[in-house]
Every structure is written in C-alpha cells, then in structure tokens.
Amino acid sequence: MDEAGFTEWASGRQRQLLRSAYLLTGDLHRAEDLVQEALTKVALRWPRLRDQHPTAYALTIITRDNISWWRRRREVPREASDVVATHEEPEIALVVRRALSRLTLAQRRVLVLRHFDDLTERETAEILGISVGTVKSQNAAALARLRDGAPELLDLIGRRS
C-alpha cells in the first residue's frame, strides 16, 4: 500500500469529511465515528481508489453508513439547537444547523452534498444511489423550504428575497 499517498489524501480531506458527516447527522461524535470508518474502508481499498475518486467513495460510505445507522435505530436526528457549536464562528454554525434541521433527511443529504461539498448533481446521485431527477427535486424542495422557513440565512449573508 502507498501509505504516504493515503496519509496525504486523508490529512487533506479529513476536515471536509467530518464537516459533511456532522451536517448530515447533527451529532459530532457520530460524525467522527462515520469518518473514521470511512477512512478505514478507503485505506483498505487505497491501491484501487488512489487513482480514482477516493473522496466520493468516502462520502458514499459516510452517507450510506449513516442511513443504515438511522434505520437500525429508527431515530430522528437531533435538533440543531441540541448540538454544541464547533465552527470557528458559532453564530453562523448555529444558524446553518437550525436551517438544516428544518429539512427532511433526503433534502438534507442532497443539500449537504450539492452545496457544502460542491458536488455535481450526477456525483450526488451516485453517492446517494438515487436518480439525478430526484437530486434536482430534493434540492429544489430544500432550497424552497429554506427560503420560506429560514430567513435568518438570508440575514446572515445580507440578502432579502
């Protein structure tokens, strides 16, 4: 195994993966566990993944493992206000988490991957195992829900619709 290559990739992506997992789960500890499991799985497959897209593979693992965890426990994600702010700017982090907590799980997954991870519709669809059309409709519904129900996001960025 190309240990140095994996270590370099993991060091450069760990923060992004943790942010995505945290936004998906609303739980820092579960997010850390998901990232650790994803990094382990990527490391085991590194010779095959290093020349492809290991970040997409890791995001797929995080997303699917979170879905499996949620289904096993049939637990509703914690409210954003129950989570301690960990962002460098706690006010912004709290506003974002409150806004995300207003979305359905499907909408949140699409929104996080599309807008926080800046993935294409096709990449998002592949990671979530859904069609591009579903990504588009979930994204549109999420953005509409945020426009209507989370005006503090507009205040945060200094715009009003």
C-alpha atoms as a PDB file:
ATOM      1  CA  MET A   1       0.000   0.000   0.000  1.00  0.00           C
ATOM      2  CA  ASP A   2       1.083   3.548  -0.767  1.00  0.00           C
ATOM      3  CA  GLU A   3       0.914   4.647   2.863  1.00  0.00           C
ATOM      4  CA  ALA A   4       2.306   8.128   2.220  1.00  0.00           C
ATOM      5  CA  GLY A   5      -0.249   8.769  -0.523  1.00  0.00           C
ATOM      6  CA  PHE A   6      -3.128   7.651   1.663  1.00  0.00           C
ATOM      7  CA  THR A   7      -1.890   9.704   4.619  1.00  0.00           C
ATOM      8  CA  GLU A   8      -1.551  12.791   2.441  1.00  0.00           C
ATOM      9  CA  TRP A   9      -5.046  12.335   0.986  1.00  0.00           C
ATOM     10  CA  ALA A  10      -6.620  11.619   4.395  1.00  0.00           C
ATOM     11  CA  SER A  11      -4.941  14.636   6.008  1.00  0.00           C
ATOM     12  CA  GLY A  12      -6.199  16.873   3.245  1.00  0.00           C
ATOM     13  CA  ARG A  13      -9.784  15.559   3.285  1.00  0.00           C
ATOM     14  CA  GLN A  14     -10.489  14.649   6.899  1.00  0.00           C
ATOM     15  CA  ARG A  15     -11.884  18.072   7.828  1.00  0.00           C
ATOM     16  CA  GLN A  16     -14.177  18.131   4.770  1.00  0.00           C
ATOM     17  CA  LEU A  17     -15.414  14.624   5.525  1.00  0.00           C
ATOM     18  CA  LEU A  18     -16.048  15.485   9.165  1.00  0.00           C
ATOM     19  CA  ARG A  19     -17.964  18.634   8.208  1.00  0.00           C
ATOM     20  CA  SER A  20     -20.139  16.667   5.793  1.00  0.00           C
ATOM     21  CA  ALA A  21     -20.780  13.898   8.309  1.00  0.00           C
ATOM     22  CA  TYR A  22     -21.621  16.423  11.002  1.00  0.00           C
ATOM     23  CA  LEU A  23     -24.047  18.304   8.769  1.00  0.00           C
ATOM     24  CA  LEU A  24     -25.699  15.010   7.849  1.00  0.00           C
ATOM     25  CA  THR A  25     -26.004  13.749  11.417  1.00  0.00           C
ATOM     26  CA  GLY A  26     -26.116  16.799  13.676  1.00  0.00           C
ATOM     27  CA  ASP A  27     -24.012  14.749  16.112  1.00  0.00           C
ATOM     28  CA  LEU A  28     -20.279  15.359  16.344  1.00  0.00           C
ATOM     29  CA  HIS A  29     -19.455  12.020  17.948  1.00  0.00           C
ATOM     30  CA  ARG A  30     -21.392  10.001  15.389  1.00  0.00           C
ATOM     31  CA  ALA A  31     -19.834  12.112  12.628  1.00  0.00           C
ATOM     32  CA  GLU A  32     -16.356  11.321  13.931  1.00  0.00           C
ATOM     33  CA  ASP A  33     -17.208   7.597  14.022  1.00  0.00           C
ATOM     34  CA  LEU A  34     -18.547   7.719  10.459  1.00  0.00           C
ATOM     35  CA  VAL A  35     -15.419   9.467   9.202  1.00  0.00           C
ATOM     36  CA  GLN A  36     -13.128   7.025  10.984  1.00  0.00           C
ATOM     37  CA  GLU A  37     -14.982   4.074   9.476  1.00  0.00           C
ATOM     38  CA  ALA A  38     -14.872   5.676   6.016  1.00  0.00           C
ATOM     39  CA  LEU A  39     -11.135   6.347   6.282  1.00  0.00           C
ATOM     40  CA  THR A  40     -10.547   2.747   7.323  1.00  0.00           C
ATOM     41  CA  LYS A  41     -12.508   1.448   4.338  1.00  0.00           C
ATOM     42  CA  VAL A  42     -10.691   3.802   1.957  1.00  0.00           C
ATOM     43  CA  ALA A  43      -7.324   2.705   3.400  1.00  0.00           C
ATOM     44  CA  LEU A  44      -8.189  -0.950   2.796  1.00  0.00           C
ATOM     45  CA  ARG A  45      -9.013  -0.175  -0.834  1.00  0.00           C
ATOM     46  CA  TRP A  46      -6.388   2.521  -1.390  1.00  0.00           C
ATOM     47  CA  PRO A  47      -4.434   0.753  -4.168  1.00  0.00           C
ATOM     48  CA  ARG A  48      -7.620   0.651  -6.271  1.00  0.00           C
ATOM     49  CA  LEU A  49      -9.005   4.053  -5.195  1.00  0.00           C
ATOM     50  CA  ARG A  50      -5.938   6.301  -5.245  1.00  0.00           C
ATOM     51  CA  ASP A  51      -6.181   6.957  -8.991  1.00  0.00           C
ATOM     52  CA  GLN A  52      -9.962   7.312  -8.956  1.00  0.00           C
ATOM     53  CA  HIS A  53     -12.051   9.496  -6.656  1.00  0.00           C
ATOM     54  CA  PRO A  54     -11.430   8.417  -3.045  1.00  0.00           C
ATOM     55  CA  THR A  55     -13.309  11.423  -1.625  1.00  0.00           C
ATOM     56  CA  ALA A  56     -16.512  10.442  -3.418  1.00  0.00           C
ATOM     57  CA  TYR A  57     -16.068   6.887  -2.170  1.00  0.00           C
ATOM     58  CA  ALA A  58     -15.599   8.142   1.412  1.00  0.00           C
ATOM     59  CA  LEU A  59     -18.687  10.373   1.162  1.00  0.00           C
ATOM     60  CA  THR A  60     -20.668   7.416  -0.151  1.00  0.00           C
ATOM     61  CA  ILE A  61     -19.587   5.337   2.825  1.00  0.00           C
ATOM     62  CA  ILE A  62     -20.438   8.117   5.281  1.00  0.00           C
ATOM     63  CA  THR A  63     -23.852   8.712   3.740  1.00  0.00           C
ATOM     64  CA  ARG A  64     -24.824   5.055   3.470  1.00  0.00           C
ATOM     65  CA  ASP A  65     -23.480   4.109   6.907  1.00  0.00           C
ATOM     66  CA  ASN A  66     -25.451   6.997   8.395  1.00  0.00           C
ATOM     67  CA  ILE A  67     -28.615   5.841   6.627  1.00  0.00           C
ATOM     68  CA  SER A  68     -28.055   2.298   7.918  1.00  0.00           C
ATOM     69  CA  TRP A  69     -27.436   3.567  11.446  1.00  0.00           C
ATOM     70  CA  TRP A  70     -30.586   5.682  11.357  1.00  0.00           C
ATOM     71  CA  ARG A  71     -32.702   2.804  10.021  1.00  0.00           C
ATOM     72  CA  ARG A  72     -31.427   0.379  12.670  1.00  0.00           C
ATOM     73  CA  ARG A  73     -32.308   2.779  15.456  1.00  0.00           C
ATOM     74  CA  ARG A  74     -35.283   4.483  13.809  1.00  0.00           C
ATOM     75  CA  GLU A  75     -34.041   7.601  15.487  1.00  0.00           C
ATOM     76  CA  VAL A  76     -34.947  11.077  14.370  1.00  0.00           C
ATOM     77  CA  PRO A  77     -31.860  13.298  14.042  1.00  0.00           C
ATOM     78  CA  ARG A  78     -31.238  15.579  16.985  1.00  0.00           C
ATOM     79  CA  GLU A  79     -32.371  19.145  16.753  1.00  0.00           C
ATOM     80  CA  ALA A  80     -29.611  21.514  15.771  1.00  0.00           C
ATOM     81  CA  SER A  81     -30.109  23.510  18.957  1.00  0.00           C
ATOM     82  CA  ASP A  82     -29.127  20.400  20.968  1.00  0.00           C
ATOM     83  CA  VAL A  83     -25.706  20.307  19.330  1.00  0.00           C
ATOM     84  CA  VAL A  84     -22.759  22.281  20.655  1.00  0.00           C
ATOM     85  CA  ALA A  85     -21.339  24.741  18.118  1.00  0.00           C
ATOM     86  CA  THR A  86     -17.945  23.662  16.838  1.00  0.00           C
ATOM     87  CA  HIS A  87     -17.469  26.053  13.945  1.00  0.00           C
ATOM     88  CA  GLU A  88     -14.979  28.891  14.196  1.00  0.00           C
ATOM     89  CA  GLU A  89     -17.975  31.233  14.055  1.00  0.00           C
ATOM     90  CA  PRO A  90     -20.551  29.669  16.418  1.00  0.00           C
ATOM     91  CA  GLU A  91     -23.368  32.034  15.387  1.00  0.00           C
ATOM     92  CA  ILE A  92     -23.058  31.037  11.738  1.00  0.00           C
ATOM     93  CA  ALA A  93     -22.790  27.368  12.642  1.00  0.00           C
ATOM     94  CA  LEU A  94     -25.925  27.562  14.769  1.00  0.00           C
ATOM     95  CA  VAL A  95     -27.912  29.302  12.022  1.00  0.00           C
ATOM     96  CA  VAL A  96     -26.835  26.692   9.465  1.00  0.00           C
ATOM     97  CA  ARG A  97     -27.651  23.781  11.787  1.00  0.00           C
ATOM     98  CA  ARG A  98     -31.066  25.221  12.649  1.00  0.00           C
ATOM     99  CA  ALA A  99     -31.814  25.675   8.979  1.00  0.00           C
ATOM    100  CA  LEU A 100     -30.695  22.116   8.145  1.00  0.00           C
ATOM    101  CA  SER A 101     -32.823  20.713  10.951  1.00  0.00           C
ATOM    102  CA  ARG A 102     -35.902  22.069   9.128  1.00  0.00           C
ATOM    103  CA  LEU A 103     -35.253  19.795   6.162  1.00  0.00           C
ATOM    104  CA  THR A 104     -36.229  16.187   5.652  1.00  0.00           C
ATOM    105  CA  LEU A 105     -33.387  13.680   5.779  1.00  0.00           C
ATOM    106  CA  ALA A 106     -33.446  13.265   1.998  1.00  0.00           C
ATOM    107  CA  GLN A 107     -33.351  17.033   1.466  1.00  0.00           C
ATOM    108  CA  ARG A 108     -30.532  17.463   3.976  1.00  0.00           C
ATOM    109  CA  ARG A 109     -28.399  14.775   2.336  1.00  0.00           C
ATOM    110  CA  VAL A 110     -28.815  16.319  -1.115  1.00  0.00           C
ATOM    111  CA  LEU A 111     -28.234  19.868   0.114  1.00  0.00           C
ATOM    112  CA  VAL A 112     -25.078  18.972   2.050  1.00  0.00           C
ATOM    113  CA  LEU A 113     -23.532  17.075  -0.835  1.00  0.00           C
ATOM    114  CA  ARG A 114     -24.556  19.576  -3.521  1.00  0.00           C
ATOM    115  CA  HIS A 115     -23.832  22.853  -1.743  1.00  0.00           C
ATOM    116  CA  PHE A 116     -21.449  22.174   1.125  1.00  0.00           C
ATOM    117  CA  ASP A 117     -19.363  19.569  -0.693  1.00  0.00           C
ATOM    118  CA  ASP A 118     -19.908  21.254  -4.073  1.00  0.00           C
ATOM    119  CA  LEU A 119     -20.666  18.013  -5.904  1.00  0.00           C
ATOM    120  CA  THR A 120     -22.478  17.862  -9.217  1.00  0.00           C
ATOM    121  CA  GLU A 121     -25.993  16.502  -9.488  1.00  0.00           C
ATOM    122  CA  ARG A 122     -24.622  13.322 -11.049  1.00  0.00           C
ATOM    123  CA  GLU A 123     -21.999  12.825  -8.289  1.00  0.00           C
ATOM    124  CA  THR A 124     -24.641  13.425  -5.626  1.00  0.00           C
ATOM    125  CA  ALA A 125     -26.983  10.927  -7.278  1.00  0.00           C
ATOM    126  CA  GLU A 126     -24.245   8.294  -7.456  1.00  0.00           C
ATOM    127  CA  ILE A 127     -23.266   8.735  -3.804  1.00  0.00           C
ATOM    128  CA  LEU A 128     -26.867   8.569  -2.596  1.00  0.00           C
ATOM    129  CA  GLY A 129     -27.915   5.824  -5.006  1.00  0.00           C
ATOM    130  CA  ILE A 130     -30.778   7.888  -6.441  1.00  0.00           C
ATOM    131  CA  SER A 131     -31.582   9.397  -9.835  1.00  0.00           C
ATOM    132  CA  VAL A 132     -30.383  12.809 -10.990  1.00  0.00           C
ATOM    133  CA  GLY A 133     -34.052  13.843 -11.216  1.00  0.00           C
ATOM    134  CA  THR A 134     -34.536  13.009  -7.545  1.00  0.00           C
ATOM    135  CA  VAL A 135     -31.457  15.061  -6.668  1.00  0.00           C
ATOM    136  CA  LYS A 136     -32.905  18.003  -8.595  1.00  0.00           C
ATOM    137  CA  SER A 137     -36.337  17.762  -6.985  1.00  0.00           C
ATOM    138  CA  GLN A 138     -34.972  17.267  -3.447  1.00  0.00           C
ATOM    139  CA  ASN A 139     -32.572  20.168  -3.930  1.00  0.00           C
ATOM    140  CA  ALA A 140     -35.341  22.459  -5.197  1.00  0.00           C
ATOM    141  CA  ALA A 141     -37.625  21.458  -2.315  1.00  0.00           C
ATOM    142  CA  ALA A 142     -34.843  22.012   0.217  1.00  0.00           C
ATOM    143  CA  LEU A 143     -33.984  25.445  -1.133  1.00  0.00           C
ATOM    144  CA  ALA A 144     -37.650  26.452  -1.197  1.00  0.00           C
ATOM    145  CA  ARG A 145     -38.108  25.266   2.386  1.00  0.00           C
ATOM    146  CA  LEU A 146     -35.037  27.239   3.470  1.00  0.00           C
ATOM    147  CA  ARG A 147     -36.205  30.388   1.655  1.00  0.00           C
ATOM    148  CA  ASP A 148     -39.606  30.177   3.334  1.00  0.00           C
ATOM    149  CA  GLY A 149     -38.632  28.817   6.728  1.00  0.00           C
ATOM    150  CA  ALA A 150     -35.117  30.037   7.413  1.00  0.00           C
ATOM    151  CA  PRO A 151     -34.945  33.756   6.629  1.00  0.00           C
ATOM    152  CA  GLU A 152     -32.059  34.058   9.091  1.00  0.00           C
ATOM    153  CA  LEU A 153     -29.860  32.511   6.400  1.00  0.00           C
ATOM    154  CA  LEU A 154     -30.660  35.450   4.138  1.00  0.00           C
ATOM    155  CA  ASP A 155     -29.957  37.839   7.020  1.00  0.00           C
ATOM    156  CA  LEU A 156     -26.660  36.085   7.587  1.00  0.00           C
ATOM    157  CA  ILE A 157     -25.483  36.656   4.044  1.00  0.00           C
ATOM    158  CA  GLY A 158     -27.031  40.125   3.882  1.00  0.00           C
ATOM    159  CA  ARG A 159     -29.745  39.486   1.287  1.00  0.00           C
ATOM    160  CA  ARG A 160     -33.500  39.524   1.291  1.00  0.00           C
ATOM    161  CA  SER A 161     -35.673  37.898  -1.338  1.00  0.00           C
END
